[in-house]
């Protein structure tokens, strides 16, 4: 029982030490990407994909809009508008 309490206390001390570590960001090494969106577009989610491509999901004019950004070339790769319909299809 005492060994278990000691181990728990030791783990607590280690976690407290880890909390004191702060993240230092070198702003000169950051790769900035400025992306403009319509003011009426609401960002729903974002995720990082393969080759550092960013997927942004918006609600825009009643439709779901997916924007794929290529961060290396700093350009929009695709804009996909998902509209309601009776079946799956492409227009």
N, C-alpha and C. Protein backbone atom coordinates (compact mmCIF):
# COMPACT_ATOMS: atom_id res chain seq x y z
N UNK A 1 0.82 -1.18 0.00
CA UNK A 1 0.00 0.00 0.00
C UNK A 1 0.88 1.26 0.00
N UNK A 2 1.93 1.25 0.83
CA UNK A 2 2.81 2.42 0.91
C UNK A 2 3.57 2.63 -0.40
N UNK A 3 3.93 1.52 -1.05
CA UNK A 3 4.63 1.62 -2.33
C UNK A 3 3.72 2.25 -3.37
N UNK A 4 2.46 1.86 -3.37
CA UNK A 4 1.50 2.43 -4.31
C UNK A 4 1.30 3.92 -4.08
N UNK A 5 1.19 4.33 -2.82
CA UNK A 5 1.05 5.75 -2.49
C UNK A 5 2.29 6.53 -2.91
N UNK A 6 3.47 5.94 -2.69
CA UNK A 6 4.72 6.60 -3.07
C UNK A 6 4.77 6.80 -4.59
N UNK A 7 4.39 5.76 -5.34
CA UNK A 7 4.40 5.86 -6.80
C UNK A 7 3.43 6.93 -7.31
N UNK A 8 2.25 7.01 -6.70
CA UNK A 8 1.27 8.03 -7.09
C UNK A 8 1.82 9.42 -6.81
N UNK A 9 2.44 9.60 -5.64
CA UNK A 9 3.01 10.89 -5.26
C UNK A 9 4.15 11.25 -6.20
N UNK A 10 4.98 10.27 -6.55
CA UNK A 10 6.10 10.51 -7.46
C UNK A 10 5.60 10.92 -8.84
N UNK A 11 4.55 10.26 -9.33
CA UNK A 11 3.97 10.62 -10.63
C UNK A 11 3.36 12.02 -10.58
N UNK A 12 2.78 12.40 -9.45
CA UNK A 12 2.21 13.73 -9.29
C UNK A 12 3.30 14.80 -9.36
N UNK A 13 4.44 14.55 -8.73
CA UNK A 13 5.56 15.49 -8.77
C UNK A 13 6.07 15.65 -10.20
N UNK A 14 6.18 14.56 -10.94
CA UNK A 14 6.65 14.61 -12.32
C UNK A 14 5.68 15.41 -13.20
N UNK A 15 4.38 15.22 -12.98
CA UNK A 15 3.41 15.95 -13.80
C UNK A 15 3.44 17.44 -13.47
N UNK A 16 3.68 17.81 -12.23
CA UNK A 16 3.79 19.22 -11.86
C UNK A 16 5.01 19.85 -12.53
N UNK A 17 6.11 19.12 -12.61
CA UNK A 17 7.31 19.64 -13.27
C UNK A 17 7.06 19.85 -14.76
N UNK A 18 6.31 18.93 -15.38
CA UNK A 18 6.00 19.05 -16.81
C UNK A 18 5.09 20.23 -17.10
N UNK A 19 4.23 20.60 -16.17
CA UNK A 19 3.33 21.74 -16.35
C UNK A 19 4.11 23.05 -16.43
N UNK A 20 5.26 23.11 -15.79
CA UNK A 20 6.04 24.33 -15.75
C UNK A 20 6.81 24.57 -17.05
N UNK A 21 6.92 23.56 -17.91
CA UNK A 21 7.59 23.73 -19.20
C UNK A 21 6.72 24.58 -20.10
N UNK A 22 7.29 25.62 -20.68
CA UNK A 22 6.53 26.49 -21.58
C UNK A 22 7.02 26.29 -23.00
N UNK A 23 6.12 26.50 -23.93
CA UNK A 23 6.43 26.36 -25.34
C UNK A 23 6.97 27.69 -25.85
N UNK A 24 8.15 27.66 -26.44
CA UNK A 24 8.76 28.86 -27.00
C UNK A 24 8.71 28.75 -28.52
N UNK A 25 8.09 29.73 -29.17
CA UNK A 25 7.92 29.71 -30.62
C UNK A 25 8.82 30.77 -31.23
N UNK A 26 9.64 30.34 -32.17
CA UNK A 26 10.50 31.27 -32.90
C UNK A 26 9.69 31.82 -34.06
N UNK A 27 9.20 33.06 -33.92
CA UNK A 27 8.30 33.63 -34.92
C UNK A 27 8.98 33.85 -36.26
N UNK A 28 10.29 33.94 -36.29
CA UNK A 28 11.00 34.12 -37.56
C UNK A 28 10.92 32.86 -38.42
N UNK A 29 10.76 31.70 -37.79
CA UNK A 29 10.71 30.44 -38.54
C UNK A 29 9.30 30.05 -38.94
N UNK A 30 8.29 30.80 -38.47
CA UNK A 30 6.91 30.48 -38.82
C UNK A 30 6.65 30.77 -40.29
N UNK A 31 5.92 29.90 -40.91
CA UNK A 31 5.52 30.09 -42.30
C UNK A 31 4.10 30.64 -42.30
N UNK A 32 3.94 31.94 -42.54
CA UNK A 32 2.63 32.55 -42.47
C UNK A 32 1.86 32.33 -43.77
N UNK A 33 0.58 32.10 -43.60
CA UNK A 33 -0.33 31.93 -44.72
C UNK A 33 -1.57 32.77 -44.41
N UNK A 34 -1.79 33.82 -45.18
CA UNK A 34 -2.95 34.67 -44.98
C UNK A 34 -4.04 34.26 -45.97
N UNK A 35 -5.18 33.88 -45.43
CA UNK A 35 -6.30 33.39 -46.24
C UNK A 35 -7.51 34.27 -45.97
N UNK A 36 -8.13 34.77 -47.03
CA UNK A 36 -9.32 35.59 -46.88
C UNK A 36 -10.55 34.76 -47.18
N UNK A 37 -11.60 35.04 -46.42
CA UNK A 37 -12.87 34.34 -46.60
C UNK A 37 -13.99 35.38 -46.65
N UNK A 38 -15.12 35.04 -47.27
CA UNK A 38 -16.24 35.97 -47.26
C UNK A 38 -16.72 36.21 -45.82
N UNK A 39 -17.19 37.41 -45.55
CA UNK A 39 -17.62 37.74 -44.19
C UNK A 39 -18.83 36.92 -43.76
N UNK A 40 -19.62 36.45 -44.72
CA UNK A 40 -20.81 35.66 -44.38
C UNK A 40 -20.51 34.17 -44.23
N UNK A 41 -19.26 33.76 -44.47
CA UNK A 41 -18.89 32.35 -44.34
C UNK A 41 -18.54 32.04 -42.88
N UNK A 42 -19.09 30.94 -42.38
CA UNK A 42 -18.82 30.53 -41.00
C UNK A 42 -17.94 29.29 -41.03
N UNK A 43 -16.76 29.39 -40.42
CA UNK A 43 -15.84 28.25 -40.37
C UNK A 43 -16.39 27.21 -39.39
N UNK A 44 -16.56 25.99 -39.89
CA UNK A 44 -17.09 24.90 -39.07
C UNK A 44 -15.94 24.06 -38.49
N UNK A 45 -14.98 23.70 -39.35
CA UNK A 45 -13.85 22.89 -38.87
C UNK A 45 -12.66 23.06 -39.79
N UNK A 46 -11.52 22.65 -39.29
CA UNK A 46 -10.29 22.66 -40.08
C UNK A 46 -9.46 21.46 -39.69
N UNK A 47 -8.69 20.96 -40.65
CA UNK A 47 -7.81 19.83 -40.36
C UNK A 47 -6.61 19.87 -41.30
N UNK A 48 -5.54 19.26 -40.83
CA UNK A 48 -4.31 19.19 -41.60
C UNK A 48 -4.22 17.82 -42.25
N UNK A 49 -4.02 17.81 -43.57
CA UNK A 49 -3.98 16.55 -44.31
C UNK A 49 -2.57 16.23 -44.78
N UNK A 50 -2.50 15.39 -45.81
CA UNK A 50 -1.22 14.99 -46.37
C UNK A 50 -0.53 16.17 -47.02
N UNK A 51 0.78 16.13 -47.05
CA UNK A 51 1.61 17.16 -47.68
C UNK A 51 1.29 18.56 -47.16
N UNK A 52 0.92 18.66 -45.89
CA UNK A 52 0.59 19.94 -45.24
C UNK A 52 -0.53 20.69 -45.95
N UNK A 53 -1.49 19.97 -46.49
CA UNK A 53 -2.67 20.62 -47.05
C UNK A 53 -3.69 20.82 -45.93
N UNK A 54 -4.35 21.96 -45.97
CA UNK A 54 -5.32 22.29 -44.95
C UNK A 54 -6.72 22.17 -45.55
N UNK A 55 -7.60 21.46 -44.84
CA UNK A 55 -8.99 21.35 -45.25
C UNK A 55 -9.82 22.24 -44.34
N UNK A 56 -10.51 23.21 -44.92
CA UNK A 56 -11.40 24.11 -44.19
C UNK A 56 -12.83 23.79 -44.59
N UNK A 57 -13.71 23.64 -43.61
CA UNK A 57 -15.12 23.38 -43.89
C UNK A 57 -15.93 24.58 -43.43
N UNK A 58 -16.68 25.14 -44.35
CA UNK A 58 -17.48 26.34 -44.09
C UNK A 58 -18.96 26.06 -44.29
N UNK A 59 -19.77 26.88 -43.63
CA UNK A 59 -21.18 27.00 -43.94
C UNK A 59 -21.31 28.34 -44.65
N UNK A 60 -21.68 28.32 -45.94
CA UNK A 60 -21.71 29.53 -46.74
C UNK A 60 -22.94 29.51 -47.63
N UNK A 61 -23.80 30.50 -47.46
CA UNK A 61 -25.03 30.63 -48.23
C UNK A 61 -25.88 29.36 -48.18
N UNK A 62 -25.96 28.75 -47.02
CA UNK A 62 -26.78 27.56 -46.82
C UNK A 62 -26.16 26.27 -47.31
N UNK A 63 -24.95 26.31 -47.82
CA UNK A 63 -24.28 25.11 -48.33
C UNK A 63 -23.01 24.83 -47.53
N UNK A 64 -22.64 23.56 -47.49
CA UNK A 64 -21.34 23.19 -46.96
C UNK A 64 -20.31 23.40 -48.05
N UNK A 65 -19.24 24.12 -47.73
CA UNK A 65 -18.19 24.40 -48.70
C UNK A 65 -16.87 23.90 -48.11
N UNK A 66 -16.17 23.10 -48.89
CA UNK A 66 -14.86 22.58 -48.49
C UNK A 66 -13.79 23.31 -49.29
N UNK A 67 -12.80 23.84 -48.61
CA UNK A 67 -11.69 24.53 -49.26
C UNK A 67 -10.42 23.79 -48.90
N UNK A 68 -9.65 23.40 -49.91
CA UNK A 68 -8.37 22.71 -49.69
C UNK A 68 -7.26 23.68 -50.05
N UNK A 69 -6.40 23.97 -49.07
CA UNK A 69 -5.29 24.90 -49.27
C UNK A 69 -3.98 24.14 -49.33
N UNK A 70 -3.15 24.45 -50.31
CA UNK A 70 -1.80 23.90 -50.39
C UNK A 70 -0.87 24.90 -49.71
N UNK A 71 -0.31 24.53 -48.56
CA UNK A 71 0.50 25.46 -47.79
C UNK A 71 1.90 25.64 -48.38
N UNK A 72 2.38 24.67 -49.12
CA UNK A 72 3.71 24.81 -49.73
C UNK A 72 3.69 25.84 -50.85
N UNK A 73 2.67 25.75 -51.72
CA UNK A 73 2.55 26.68 -52.85
C UNK A 73 1.78 27.94 -52.47
N UNK A 74 1.16 27.93 -51.29
CA UNK A 74 0.34 29.04 -50.80
C UNK A 74 -0.75 29.40 -51.80
N UNK A 75 -1.56 28.38 -52.15
CA UNK A 75 -2.66 28.61 -53.07
C UNK A 75 -3.81 27.68 -52.75
N UNK A 76 -4.99 28.05 -53.27
CA UNK A 76 -6.18 27.22 -53.10
C UNK A 76 -6.11 26.07 -54.10
N UNK A 77 -6.20 24.85 -53.61
CA UNK A 77 -6.14 23.69 -54.48
C UNK A 77 -7.53 23.36 -55.03
N UNK A 78 -8.56 23.39 -54.16
CA UNK A 78 -9.92 23.07 -54.59
C UNK A 78 -10.93 23.78 -53.71
N UNK A 79 -12.07 24.10 -54.31
CA UNK A 79 -13.24 24.56 -53.57
C UNK A 79 -14.39 23.65 -53.97
N UNK A 80 -14.96 22.96 -53.02
CA UNK A 80 -16.02 22.00 -53.27
C UNK A 80 -17.27 22.48 -52.54
N UNK A 81 -18.35 22.68 -53.29
CA UNK A 81 -19.63 23.08 -52.70
C UNK A 81 -20.52 21.86 -52.64
N UNK A 82 -21.02 21.53 -51.45
CA UNK A 82 -21.88 20.38 -51.26
C UNK A 82 -23.31 20.90 -51.11
N UNK A 83 -24.17 20.57 -52.09
CA UNK A 83 -25.55 21.02 -52.08
C UNK A 83 -26.48 19.85 -51.80
N UNK A 84 -27.66 20.17 -51.29
CA UNK A 84 -28.67 19.15 -51.00
C UNK A 84 -29.26 18.64 -52.30
N UNK A 85 -29.55 17.35 -52.33
CA UNK A 85 -30.15 16.73 -53.51
C UNK A 85 -30.82 15.43 -53.12
N UNK A 86 -31.41 14.77 -54.09
CA UNK A 86 -32.09 13.49 -53.79
C UNK A 86 -31.16 12.31 -53.90
N UNK A 87 -30.02 12.49 -54.57
CA UNK A 87 -29.03 11.41 -54.69
C UNK A 87 -27.64 12.02 -54.86
N UNK A 88 -26.63 11.20 -54.75
CA UNK A 88 -25.26 11.68 -54.94
C UNK A 88 -25.00 11.89 -56.42
N UNK A 89 -24.28 12.94 -56.76
CA UNK A 89 -23.95 13.20 -58.16
C UNK A 89 -23.09 14.43 -58.30
N UNK A 90 -22.53 14.62 -59.50
CA UNK A 90 -21.70 15.78 -59.79
C UNK A 90 -22.38 16.64 -60.85
N UNK A 91 -22.23 17.94 -60.68
CA UNK A 91 -22.74 18.88 -61.68
C UNK A 91 -21.62 19.69 -62.23
